[in-house]
Amino acid sequence: MLGGLTYPLYLLHQYIGYVSINALAPHVGKNAAFFVVLAGVLLASFLVWRFIETPIRKPLIRSLMSGIRRLSPASQQMRPTSPAP
């Protein structure tokens, strides 16, 4: 799970994090804003991983592999051969 959170966290942290910290800091202070935003971005990353990435992973891999097999000229030319006597 922790490995799965890294990419959504990478995508979400910078823009959402900085904008949110700057918006909250005047109201609650810099430190509190940091921890609130950290918790929010971690929660958002978990939700993206759990409800978006995980459900579509297997169907996406299957469709990509199917497309690669259809487009690959090497897979069309490769035929099993019997060993030489």
Protein backbone atom coordinates (compact mmCIF):
# COMPACT_ATOMS: atom_id res chain seq x y z
CA MET A 1 0.00 0.00 0.00
CA LEU A 2 2.76 2.47 0.90
CA GLY A 3 4.40 1.91 -2.48
CA GLY A 4 1.07 2.50 -4.18
CA LEU A 5 0.67 5.86 -2.47
CA THR A 6 3.94 7.29 -3.76
CA TYR A 7 2.82 8.22 -7.28
CA PRO A 8 -0.49 9.85 -6.32
CA LEU A 9 1.34 11.65 -3.52
CA TYR A 10 3.94 12.86 -6.02
CA LEU A 11 1.19 14.15 -8.31
CA LEU A 12 -0.89 15.83 -5.62
CA HIS A 13 1.57 17.22 -3.11
CA GLN A 14 3.13 20.19 -4.82
CA TYR A 15 0.32 22.25 -6.26
CA ILE A 16 -2.48 21.22 -3.93
CA GLY A 17 -0.14 21.21 -0.93
CA TYR A 18 1.36 24.66 -1.45
CA VAL A 19 -1.94 26.30 -2.34
CA SER A 20 -3.65 24.74 0.67
CA ILE A 21 -0.86 25.66 3.10
CA ASN A 22 -0.86 29.23 1.85
CA ALA A 23 -4.65 29.42 2.23
CA LEU A 24 -4.73 27.88 5.72
CA ALA A 25 -1.61 29.38 7.30
CA PRO A 26 -3.08 32.83 8.01
CA HIS A 27 -5.98 31.20 9.87
CA VAL A 28 -4.33 28.38 11.84
CA GLY A 29 -0.58 29.05 11.64
CA LYS A 30 2.13 27.55 9.44
CA ASN A 31 2.77 24.42 11.47
CA ALA A 32 -0.88 23.48 11.91
CA ALA A 33 -1.54 24.20 8.21
CA PHE A 34 1.36 21.93 7.26
CA PHE A 35 0.06 18.98 9.29
CA VAL A 36 -3.56 19.43 8.19
CA VAL A 37 -2.54 19.60 4.55
CA LEU A 38 -0.16 16.66 4.95
CA ALA A 39 -2.99 14.55 6.35
CA GLY A 40 -5.33 15.70 3.57
CA VAL A 41 -2.88 14.98 0.77
CA LEU A 42 -2.08 11.55 2.24
CA LEU A 43 -5.80 10.80 2.46
CA ALA A 44 -6.35 11.97 -1.13
CA SER A 45 -3.41 9.83 -2.29
CA PHE A 46 -4.87 6.81 -0.52
CA LEU A 47 -8.27 7.39 -2.12
CA VAL A 48 -6.75 7.71 -5.60
CA TRP A 49 -4.73 4.52 -5.07
CA ARG A 50 -7.57 2.51 -3.57
CA PHE A 51 -10.53 3.56 -5.72
CA ILE A 52 -8.91 4.53 -9.04
CA GLU A 53 -5.53 2.87 -9.54
CA THR A 54 -6.21 -0.52 -7.93
CA PRO A 55 -9.50 -1.31 -9.73
CA ILE A 56 -8.25 -0.38 -13.20
CA ARG A 57 -4.76 -1.94 -12.95
CA LYS A 58 -5.60 -5.47 -14.18
CA PRO A 59 -7.99 -4.46 -17.00
CA LEU A 60 -5.52 -1.82 -18.17
CA ILE A 61 -2.62 -4.28 -18.22
CA ARG A 62 -4.74 -6.85 -20.10
CA SER A 63 -5.79 -4.34 -22.75
CA LEU A 64 -2.26 -2.98 -23.16
CA MET A 65 -0.79 -6.46 -23.53
CA SER A 66 -3.51 -7.37 -26.03
CA GLY A 67 -2.72 -4.27 -28.08
CA ILE A 68 1.00 -4.98 -27.95
CA ARG A 69 0.45 -8.55 -29.14
CA ARG A 70 -1.73 -7.35 -32.01
CA LEU A 71 0.75 -4.70 -33.12
CA SER A 72 3.96 -6.63 -32.66
CA PRO A 73 5.26 -8.06 -35.94
CA ALA A 74 7.63 -10.31 -33.99
CA SER A 75 4.75 -12.10 -32.31
CA GLN A 76 3.16 -12.80 -35.69
CA GLN A 77 6.37 -14.22 -37.14
CA MET A 78 7.33 -16.34 -34.17
CA ARG A 79 6.03 -19.86 -34.62
CA PRO A 80 6.95 -22.82 -32.47
CA THR A 81 9.44 -25.01 -34.25
CA SER A 82 10.24 -28.61 -33.61
CA PRO A 83 13.80 -29.45 -32.61
CA ALA A 84 16.13 -30.72 -35.32
CA PRO A 85 16.55 -34.53 -35.35
